[in-house]
Amino acid sequence: QVQLVESGGGLVQAGGSLRLSCAASGIIFSIYTMSWYRQAPGKQRELVATMSSILTTNYTDSVKGRFTISRDNAKNTVYLQMNSLKPEDTAVYYCNALKHWGNYWGQGTQVTVSS
């Protein structure tokens, strides 16, 4: 059974930082592309950051220079370091594990940035 469990969300003031974690089980973590998505109220879910199995990364323009995705294959965990947070970063953040035979999601963690 595949499980992705996010943690680290919370309430932070604008300009602050948070680090999200996503612990995976039930998959061979190291071969999956791992991503963070977010969904704000009334908006579609959007891709925030991706790290492939060969450690290439990609970020949506709005977070470049502020967010960093990383992974620890020994711990089956992917992280999202979020700095210089803005109110528009407020959303539920979801972890995703992708391979051509499988596409898995976590339950999400709420990030709220106050102005």
Protein backbone atom coordinates (compact mmCIF):
# COMPACT_ATOMS: atom_id res chain seq x y z
CA GLN A 1 0.00 0.00 0.00
CA VAL A 2 1.44 3.33 -1.06
CA GLN A 3 1.36 6.17 1.43
CA LEU A 4 2.61 9.74 1.15
CA VAL A 5 2.39 11.68 4.40
CA GLU A 6 3.03 15.41 4.40
CA SER A 7 3.95 17.46 7.43
CA GLY A 8 5.35 20.86 8.29
CA GLY A 9 2.54 23.15 7.28
CA GLY A 10 1.22 25.90 9.48
CA LEU A 11 0.63 29.60 9.94
CA VAL A 12 3.51 31.98 9.27
CA GLN A 13 3.88 35.71 8.73
CA ALA A 14 4.84 37.12 5.37
CA GLY A 15 8.59 36.93 4.91
CA GLY A 16 8.87 33.84 7.07
CA SER A 17 9.91 30.30 6.26
CA LEU A 18 8.52 26.79 6.48
CA ARG A 19 9.88 23.39 5.53
CA LEU A 20 7.46 20.78 4.31
CA SER A 21 8.27 17.09 4.44
CA CYS A 22 6.69 14.15 2.66
CA ALA A 23 7.48 10.65 3.84
CA ALA A 24 6.78 7.89 1.35
CA SER A 25 6.19 4.20 1.89
CA GLY A 26 5.16 1.33 -0.35
CA ILE A 27 7.18 2.52 -3.35
CA ILE A 28 10.77 2.31 -4.50
CA PHE A 29 11.20 5.96 -3.66
CA SER A 30 14.48 6.60 -5.44
CA ILE A 31 13.10 5.87 -8.92
CA TYR A 32 10.08 8.17 -8.65
CA THR A 33 9.79 11.76 -9.75
CA MET A 34 8.69 13.65 -6.65
CA SER A 35 6.75 16.88 -6.80
CA TRP A 36 4.98 19.42 -4.69
CA TYR A 37 1.67 20.87 -5.85
CA ARG A 38 -0.58 23.41 -4.19
CA GLN A 39 -4.21 24.38 -4.37
CA ALA A 40 -5.55 27.68 -3.14
CA PRO A 41 -9.26 28.17 -2.42
CA GLY A 42 -11.20 28.53 -5.66
CA LYS A 43 -8.17 27.79 -7.82
CA GLN A 44 -6.87 24.79 -9.71
CA ARG A 45 -4.10 22.66 -8.32
CA GLU A 46 -0.75 23.87 -9.65
CA LEU A 47 2.69 22.34 -9.84
CA VAL A 48 5.14 24.09 -7.52
CA ALA A 49 8.37 22.10 -7.75
CA THR A 50 9.64 18.82 -9.14
CA MET A 51 12.71 16.69 -8.56
CA SER A 52 13.38 13.75 -10.82
CA SER A 53 15.08 10.49 -9.91
CA ILE A 54 18.30 11.91 -11.37
CA LEU A 55 17.91 15.05 -9.23
CA THR A 56 16.95 17.50 -11.94
CA THR A 57 14.62 20.19 -10.63
CA ASN A 58 11.96 22.46 -12.00
CA TYR A 59 10.01 25.26 -10.34
CA THR A 60 7.02 27.34 -11.22
CA ASP A 61 8.08 30.92 -11.92
CA SER A 62 6.35 32.40 -8.88
CA VAL A 63 8.52 30.43 -6.42
CA LYS A 64 11.89 30.50 -8.18
CA GLY A 65 14.58 31.81 -5.86
CA ARG A 66 12.38 31.34 -2.79
CA PHE A 67 11.53 27.62 -2.66
CA THR A 68 13.91 24.65 -2.82
CA ILE A 69 12.94 21.04 -3.35
CA SER A 70 15.22 18.28 -2.10
CA ARG A 71 15.05 14.59 -1.39
CA ASP A 72 16.70 12.05 0.90
CA ASN A 73 16.41 8.65 -0.72
CA ALA A 74 17.74 6.94 2.39
CA LYS A 75 14.77 8.33 4.34
CA ASN A 76 12.23 8.05 1.50
CA THR A 77 11.44 11.71 2.06
CA VAL A 78 11.08 14.78 -0.12
CA TYR A 79 11.26 18.29 1.26
CA LEU A 80 10.15 21.74 0.22
CA GLN A 81 12.01 24.59 1.86
CA MET A 82 9.93 27.74 1.52
CA ASN A 83 11.54 31.09 2.25
CA SER A 84 10.32 34.67 1.86
CA LEU A 85 6.75 33.47 2.02
CA LYS A 86 4.00 35.66 0.63
CA PRO A 87 0.24 35.70 1.33
CA GLU A 88 -0.31 34.38 -2.19
CA ASP A 89 1.56 31.21 -1.20
CA THR A 90 -1.37 30.30 1.04
CA ALA A 91 -2.71 26.95 -0.11
CA VAL A 92 -2.95 23.27 0.66
CA TYR A 93 0.34 21.70 -0.41
CA TYR A 94 0.32 18.17 -1.79
CA CYS A 95 3.13 15.70 -2.32
CA ASN A 96 3.11 13.63 -5.52
CA ALA A 97 5.07 10.56 -6.59
CA LEU A 98 5.07 9.81 -10.30
CA LYS A 99 6.25 6.96 -12.46
CA HIS A 100 4.64 5.81 -15.68
CA TRP A 101 2.94 2.94 -13.86
CA GLY A 102 1.87 4.91 -10.81
CA ASN A 103 0.73 8.38 -9.73
CA TYR A 104 0.29 8.84 -6.00
CA TRP A 105 -0.83 11.74 -3.81
CA GLY A 106 -0.59 12.68 -0.17
CA GLN A 107 -3.46 14.08 1.85
CA GLY A 108 -2.09 17.63 1.85
CA THR A 109 -0.86 20.07 4.44
CA GLN A 110 -2.20 23.60 4.93
CA VAL A 111 0.15 26.56 4.60
CA THR A 112 -1.25 29.94 5.60
CA VAL A 113 0.79 33.12 5.18
CA SER A 114 -0.53 36.18 6.96
CA SER A 115 0.20 39.71 5.76
